[in-house]
Protein backbone atom coordinates (compact mmCIF):
# COMPACT_ATOMS: atom_id res chain seq x y z
CA MET A 1 12.28 -39.27 -7.06
CA ARG A 2 11.23 -39.56 -3.49
CA ALA A 3 13.33 -36.63 -2.63
CA LEU A 4 11.91 -34.49 -5.35
CA SER A 5 8.39 -35.33 -4.25
CA ALA A 6 9.20 -34.57 -0.73
CA ALA A 7 10.48 -31.15 -1.77
CA VAL A 8 7.38 -30.22 -3.56
CA LEU A 9 5.13 -31.46 -0.69
CA ALA A 10 7.16 -29.53 1.82
CA VAL A 11 6.67 -26.29 -0.06
CA ALA A 12 3.09 -26.86 -0.94
CA LEU A 13 2.29 -27.38 2.71
CA ALA A 14 3.45 -23.89 3.48
CA ALA A 15 1.94 -23.82 6.91
CA CYS A 16 3.45 -27.18 8.09
CA ALA A 17 6.77 -26.14 9.55
CA THR A 18 8.33 -24.19 12.31
CA ALA A 19 9.77 -20.65 11.59
CA PRO A 20 13.18 -20.33 9.93
CA PRO A 21 16.08 -19.32 11.99
CA PRO A 22 16.56 -15.75 12.80
CA PRO A 23 19.04 -14.73 10.07
CA VAL A 24 16.54 -15.85 7.37
CA GLU A 25 14.02 -13.12 8.56
CA ARG A 26 16.22 -10.47 6.93
CA THR A 27 15.27 -11.64 3.52
CA ALA A 28 11.77 -10.18 3.71
CA ARG A 29 13.29 -6.79 4.50
CA ARG A 30 15.93 -7.17 1.68
CA ASN A 31 13.12 -7.98 -0.73
CA GLU A 32 11.17 -5.04 0.46
CA ARG A 33 14.05 -2.64 -0.06
CA SER A 34 14.72 -4.11 -3.48
CA ALA A 35 11.15 -3.89 -4.48
CA THR A 36 10.82 -0.21 -3.53
CA SER A 37 14.05 0.93 -5.08
CA ASP A 38 12.29 2.73 -8.01
CA GLY A 39 10.84 5.37 -5.77
CA GLU A 40 7.03 4.82 -6.49
CA PRO A 41 6.95 1.02 -6.83
CA PHE A 42 3.36 0.43 -5.66
CA GLY A 43 1.66 3.06 -7.64
CA ALA A 44 0.54 2.33 -11.17
CA ALA A 45 -1.25 3.90 -14.15
CA ARG A 46 -4.79 2.70 -15.14
CA ASP A 47 -3.26 0.61 -17.99
CA PHE A 48 -0.76 -1.16 -15.72
CA LYS A 49 -0.10 -4.72 -16.82
CA PRO A 50 1.44 -7.04 -14.27
CA VAL A 51 4.45 -9.20 -15.20
CA ALA A 52 4.32 -11.50 -12.12
CA PHE A 53 0.93 -13.03 -12.98
CA THR A 54 -1.97 -13.18 -15.49
CA VAL A 55 -5.55 -12.48 -14.51
CA ASP A 56 -8.93 -13.92 -15.49
CA ILE A 57 -11.87 -11.68 -14.36
CA LYS A 58 -15.36 -13.00 -14.00
CA GLY A 59 -18.55 -11.51 -12.57
CA HIS A 60 -19.39 -7.92 -11.26
CA GLY A 61 -19.70 -6.82 -7.72
CA ARG A 62 -17.57 -6.97 -4.63
CA PRO A 63 -13.91 -7.59 -5.71
CA ILE A 64 -12.16 -10.77 -4.61
CA ILE A 65 -8.70 -11.90 -5.70
CA PHE A 66 -7.65 -15.60 -5.84
CA ILE A 67 -4.09 -16.68 -5.66
CA PRO A 68 -3.27 -20.31 -6.35
CA GLY A 69 -0.39 -22.30 -4.94
CA LEU A 70 2.95 -23.65 -6.21
CA GLY A 71 2.82 -24.44 -9.87
CA CYS A 72 -0.95 -24.39 -9.95
CA PRO A 73 -3.27 -22.72 -12.46
CA GLY A 74 -5.90 -20.32 -11.46
CA THR A 75 -8.55 -22.83 -12.46
CA VAL A 76 -8.15 -24.48 -9.00
CA TRP A 77 -10.59 -21.72 -7.90
CA ASP A 78 -13.21 -22.43 -10.64
CA GLU A 79 -15.74 -24.04 -8.31
CA MET A 80 -15.42 -21.48 -5.70
CA VAL A 81 -15.90 -18.60 -8.20
CA SER A 82 -19.03 -20.44 -9.39
CA HIS A 83 -20.13 -20.76 -5.77
CA LEU A 84 -19.79 -17.14 -5.09
CA GLY A 85 -21.63 -16.20 -8.40
CA ASP A 86 -22.00 -12.81 -10.02
CA ASP A 87 -22.33 -10.76 -6.79
CA TYR A 88 -18.51 -10.89 -6.84
CA GLU A 89 -15.94 -9.67 -9.24
CA SER A 90 -13.49 -12.49 -9.28
CA HIS A 91 -9.83 -11.69 -10.22
CA VAL A 92 -8.25 -15.12 -10.67
CA LEU A 93 -4.48 -15.11 -10.81
CA THR A 94 -2.03 -17.61 -12.48
CA LEU A 95 1.52 -16.80 -11.37
CA ALA A 96 4.43 -16.40 -13.80
CA GLY A 97 6.32 -19.50 -14.70
CA PHE A 98 3.50 -21.73 -13.40
CA ALA A 99 1.06 -23.83 -15.46
CA GLY A 100 2.49 -22.73 -18.80
CA ASN A 101 2.79 -19.07 -18.00
CA GLU A 102 5.98 -17.16 -19.11
CA PRO A 103 8.48 -17.13 -16.35
CA ILE A 104 10.27 -14.07 -14.86
CA SER A 105 13.71 -13.88 -13.42
CA GLU A 106 13.00 -12.01 -10.19
CA PRO A 107 11.85 -13.55 -6.93
CA LEU A 108 8.29 -14.56 -7.62
CA SER A 109 6.43 -14.13 -4.34
CA ALA A 110 7.90 -10.66 -3.84
CA ALA A 111 7.06 -9.80 -7.44
CA VAL A 112 3.48 -10.91 -7.06
CA ARG A 113 3.11 -8.90 -3.94
CA ARG A 114 4.46 -5.85 -5.56
CA ASP A 115 2.48 -6.18 -8.85
CA LEU A 116 -0.63 -7.14 -6.86
CA THR A 117 -0.53 -3.82 -4.83
CA ARG A 118 -0.08 -2.00 -8.22
CA TYR A 119 -2.95 -3.87 -9.79
CA ILE A 120 -5.30 -3.09 -6.91
CA ARG A 121 -4.58 0.46 -7.08
CA SER A 122 -4.64 0.78 -10.80
CA ARG A 123 -8.07 -0.93 -11.03
CA ASN A 124 -9.32 1.05 -8.13
CA LEU A 125 -10.34 -2.10 -6.27
CA ARG A 126 -11.68 -1.08 -2.85
CA ASP A 127 -10.99 -3.49 0.02
CA PRO A 128 -10.66 -6.60 -2.08
CA ILE A 129 -11.06 -9.93 -0.42
CA ILE A 130 -7.76 -11.89 -0.81
CA VAL A 131 -7.92 -15.59 -1.00
CA GLY A 132 -4.70 -17.65 -1.20
CA HIS A 133 -4.00 -21.37 -1.08
CA SER A 134 -0.55 -22.82 -0.20
CA MET A 135 2.10 -20.55 -1.71
CA GLY A 136 -0.82 -18.19 -2.53
CA GLY A 137 -1.70 -18.02 1.10
CA PHE A 138 2.00 -17.17 1.92
CA ILE A 139 1.70 -14.25 -0.58
CA ALA A 140 -1.57 -13.20 0.95
CA TYR A 141 0.04 -12.88 4.40
CA TRP A 142 2.80 -10.82 2.76
CA ILE A 143 0.50 -8.29 1.10
CA ALA A 144 -1.89 -8.08 4.10
CA SER A 145 0.95 -7.36 6.52
CA TYR A 146 3.06 -5.00 4.35
CA HIS A 147 0.06 -3.15 2.80
CA PRO A 148 -2.82 -3.48 5.35
CA GLU A 149 -4.57 -0.40 3.95
CA LEU A 150 -5.14 -2.05 0.62
CA VAL A 151 -7.02 -5.26 1.46
CA GLY A 152 -10.28 -6.42 2.81
CA PRO A 153 -10.89 -9.67 4.50
CA VAL A 154 -8.32 -12.42 3.98
CA ILE A 155 -8.96 -16.09 3.58
CA ILE A 156 -5.93 -18.40 3.79
CA VAL A 157 -6.15 -22.13 2.81
CA ASP A 158 -3.61 -24.43 4.44
CA ALA A 159 -0.77 -22.03 4.56
CA GLY A 160 1.47 -20.26 7.10
CA PRO A 161 3.69 -17.26 6.98
CA ALA A 162 7.03 -19.25 7.19
CA LEU A 163 8.65 -22.45 6.09
CA SER A 164 11.40 -24.31 7.94
CA GLY A 165 14.90 -24.95 6.66
CA ASP A 166 18.18 -23.09 6.41
CA ILE A 167 20.00 -21.45 3.52
CA ASP A 168 21.84 -24.64 2.55
CA GLU A 169 18.56 -26.62 2.44
CA ALA A 170 17.01 -23.84 0.30
CA LYS A 171 19.92 -23.85 -2.21
CA ALA A 172 19.81 -27.65 -2.42
CA LEU A 173 16.03 -27.68 -3.11
CA ARG A 174 16.38 -24.96 -5.70
CA SER A 175 19.19 -26.71 -7.47
CA ARG A 176 17.43 -30.08 -7.35
CA TRP A 177 14.42 -28.84 -9.18
CA LYS A 178 16.20 -26.57 -11.68
CA ASN A 179 18.40 -29.45 -12.67
CA ALA A 180 15.80 -32.16 -12.74
CA SER A 181 15.40 -34.22 -15.85
CA ASP A 182 12.03 -34.20 -17.75
CA ASP A 183 11.16 -37.55 -16.18
CA GLU A 184 12.21 -36.42 -12.64
CA PHE A 185 10.22 -33.18 -12.85
CA THR A 186 6.98 -34.71 -14.31
CA GLY A 187 7.19 -37.84 -12.06
CA GLY A 188 7.96 -35.79 -8.98
CA MET A 189 5.12 -33.42 -9.47
CA ARG A 190 2.61 -36.17 -10.17
CA ALA A 191 3.72 -38.09 -7.20
CA ALA A 192 3.55 -35.16 -4.83
CA PHE A 193 0.34 -33.64 -6.00
CA THR A 194 -1.57 -36.85 -6.21
CA GLY A 195 -1.40 -37.34 -2.40
CA MET A 196 -2.73 -33.75 -1.80
CA THR A 197 -6.47 -34.61 -2.15
CA SER A 198 -8.83 -37.42 -1.97
CA GLU A 199 -10.48 -36.31 -5.31
CA PRO A 200 -8.30 -37.55 -8.05
CA ARG A 201 -10.75 -36.64 -10.73
CA LYS A 202 -10.53 -32.90 -9.67
CA MET A 203 -6.86 -33.08 -9.25
CA ALA A 204 -5.97 -34.62 -12.65
CA PRO A 205 -6.24 -31.45 -14.71
CA VAL A 206 -4.33 -29.50 -11.99
CA ILE A 207 -1.48 -31.88 -12.16
CA GLU A 208 -1.39 -31.71 -15.92
CA ALA A 209 -1.11 -27.92 -15.62
CA VAL A 210 1.54 -28.14 -12.93
CA THR A 211 3.79 -30.26 -15.09
CA ARG A 212 3.81 -27.37 -17.69
CA SER A 213 5.49 -25.21 -15.08
CA ASP A 214 8.91 -23.88 -15.63
CA ARG A 215 11.23 -25.98 -13.41
CA ARG A 216 13.49 -22.98 -12.73
CA SER A 217 10.61 -21.05 -11.50
CA ILE A 218 9.49 -23.86 -9.24
CA GLY A 219 13.04 -24.10 -7.74
CA ASN A 220 13.39 -20.36 -7.28
CA ALA A 221 9.93 -20.19 -5.52
CA ILE A 222 11.02 -22.85 -3.13
CA TYR A 223 14.18 -21.02 -2.34
CA GLU A 224 12.33 -17.82 -1.76
CA MET A 225 9.74 -19.24 0.55
CA VAL A 226 12.33 -21.09 2.62
CA THR A 227 14.46 -17.92 2.99
CA THR A 228 11.63 -15.53 3.66
CA ASP A 229 10.00 -15.47 7.10
CA LEU A 230 6.84 -13.34 7.64
CA THR A 231 6.00 -14.55 11.10
CA ASP A 232 7.11 -11.35 12.91
CA HIS A 233 5.08 -9.26 10.44
CA VAL A 234 1.62 -10.81 10.56
CA LYS A 235 0.91 -8.77 13.67
CA ASP A 236 0.55 -5.76 11.46
CA ILE A 237 -2.38 -7.27 9.51
CA THR A 238 -5.41 -5.17 10.31
CA ALA A 239 -8.00 -7.00 8.12
CA PRO A 240 -9.97 -9.95 9.52
CA VAL A 241 -8.33 -13.31 8.69
CA LEU A 242 -9.81 -16.74 8.21
CA ILE A 243 -7.47 -19.66 8.05
CA ILE A 244 -8.95 -22.93 6.78
CA ALA A 245 -6.49 -25.72 7.51
CA ALA A 246 -6.31 -29.35 6.25
CA ASP A 247 -6.75 -32.18 8.82
CA GLY A 248 -3.58 -33.66 10.06
CA GLY A 249 -0.72 -32.99 12.35
CA HIS A 250 0.24 -29.52 11.32
CA GLN A 251 -2.53 -27.35 12.77
CA GLN A 252 -0.70 -26.34 15.91
CA ARG A 253 2.21 -25.12 13.94
CA ILE A 254 0.02 -22.85 11.99
CA ARG A 255 -1.76 -21.61 15.02
CA ALA A 256 1.62 -20.77 16.61
CA GLN A 257 2.66 -18.82 13.58
CA VAL A 258 -0.51 -16.75 13.25
CA GLU A 259 -1.30 -16.10 16.91
CA THR A 260 -0.24 -12.41 16.80
CA ILE A 261 -2.82 -11.49 13.94
CA PRO A 262 -5.13 -9.22 15.84
CA ASP A 263 -8.29 -10.43 14.18
CA HIS A 264 -8.23 -14.00 13.03
CA GLN A 265 -9.95 -17.31 13.38
CA MET A 266 -8.75 -20.77 12.28
CA ILE A 267 -10.77 -23.82 11.55
CA VAL A 268 -9.72 -27.27 10.54
CA LEU A 269 -12.01 -29.36 8.20
CA PRO A 270 -11.88 -33.04 9.24
CA ARG A 271 -10.66 -35.67 6.74
CA THR A 272 -9.33 -33.11 4.30
CA HIS A 273 -5.92 -32.96 2.58
CA HIS A 274 -3.98 -29.98 1.33
CA PHE A 275 -6.51 -29.07 -1.32
CA VAL A 276 -9.10 -28.54 1.35
CA MET A 277 -11.60 -27.00 -1.04
CA TYR A 278 -11.67 -30.17 -3.23
CA ASP A 279 -12.01 -32.71 -0.27
CA ASP A 280 -14.82 -30.94 1.57
CA PRO A 281 -16.38 -28.25 -0.66
CA ASP A 282 -19.59 -27.98 1.40
CA GLY A 283 -17.68 -27.35 4.63
CA PHE A 284 -15.29 -25.10 2.86
CA TYR A 285 -18.00 -22.93 1.30
CA LYS A 286 -19.94 -22.69 4.54
CA ALA A 287 -16.88 -21.50 6.36
CA VAL A 288 -16.21 -18.84 3.62
CA ASP A 289 -19.79 -17.79 3.48
CA ARG A 290 -20.15 -17.27 7.26
CA PHE A 291 -16.88 -15.29 7.26
CA LEU A 292 -17.81 -13.02 4.37
CA ASP A 293 -21.34 -12.52 5.84
CA ALA A 294 -19.74 -11.39 9.01
CA HIS A 295 -17.42 -9.01 7.13
CA PRO A 296 -19.67 -7.35 4.50
CA ALA A 297 -18.42 -4.76 2.06
CA THR A 298 -17.98 -1.21 3.59
């Protein structure tokens, strides 16, 4: 049980590790080639329907896209959507295989990045703000670095562009989750996520949703993140980036991984855990508001 919990925690804290060894870097390029093998993979008709996520749209105005973390429902962003109000058109994602969504067989982060580029183009979203927490932040780095022309300001919540670990560790973590019993899966998720915030009331419905995730999707997502290193690519991000990190011993590792992003700032909110937006909503919203005010719609 402790090992399973540690595995979830390690993946959820996507920013909290050194970069993978050099051979792992090739995975990002392999995924890129695979994702573009159909000739025009990132264009889409107006009626395009993504398979890698579902979307809940609220409000009208400046487009903003919210990507939750490992296993989490899009409802983790409800309070922030309410804070922003109707001046924004919020596109809130829940990823395939997570929180009761139907799973897919292909690598999830790469599929989300592919489908999200198609979604942005098919809906004619101009310079959408991208907000990602944990695994969602990892995906935000990916789309912003590989498709910089598509995105507006980027907000990353407690995530980095790489996880530590080698291929054997990645395989072991994938196998452990995919083969977990019902009790191991549910208990491991509850144990790991409970410690990610000081607000148990807010976290309770999130944990319930996480336990409805497909365990194969969880294992595969862990494997993909451990074996995909985006650190060398974040230098290609042209959008302004705000990184809001949790308090703890991991900030310097995040700073080292994102130092090549041309226009970025990073803040650490004191006394916060991984779900920063739950632990200090006032500080979180102030940071977001200042950032968006400094980078208005063009």
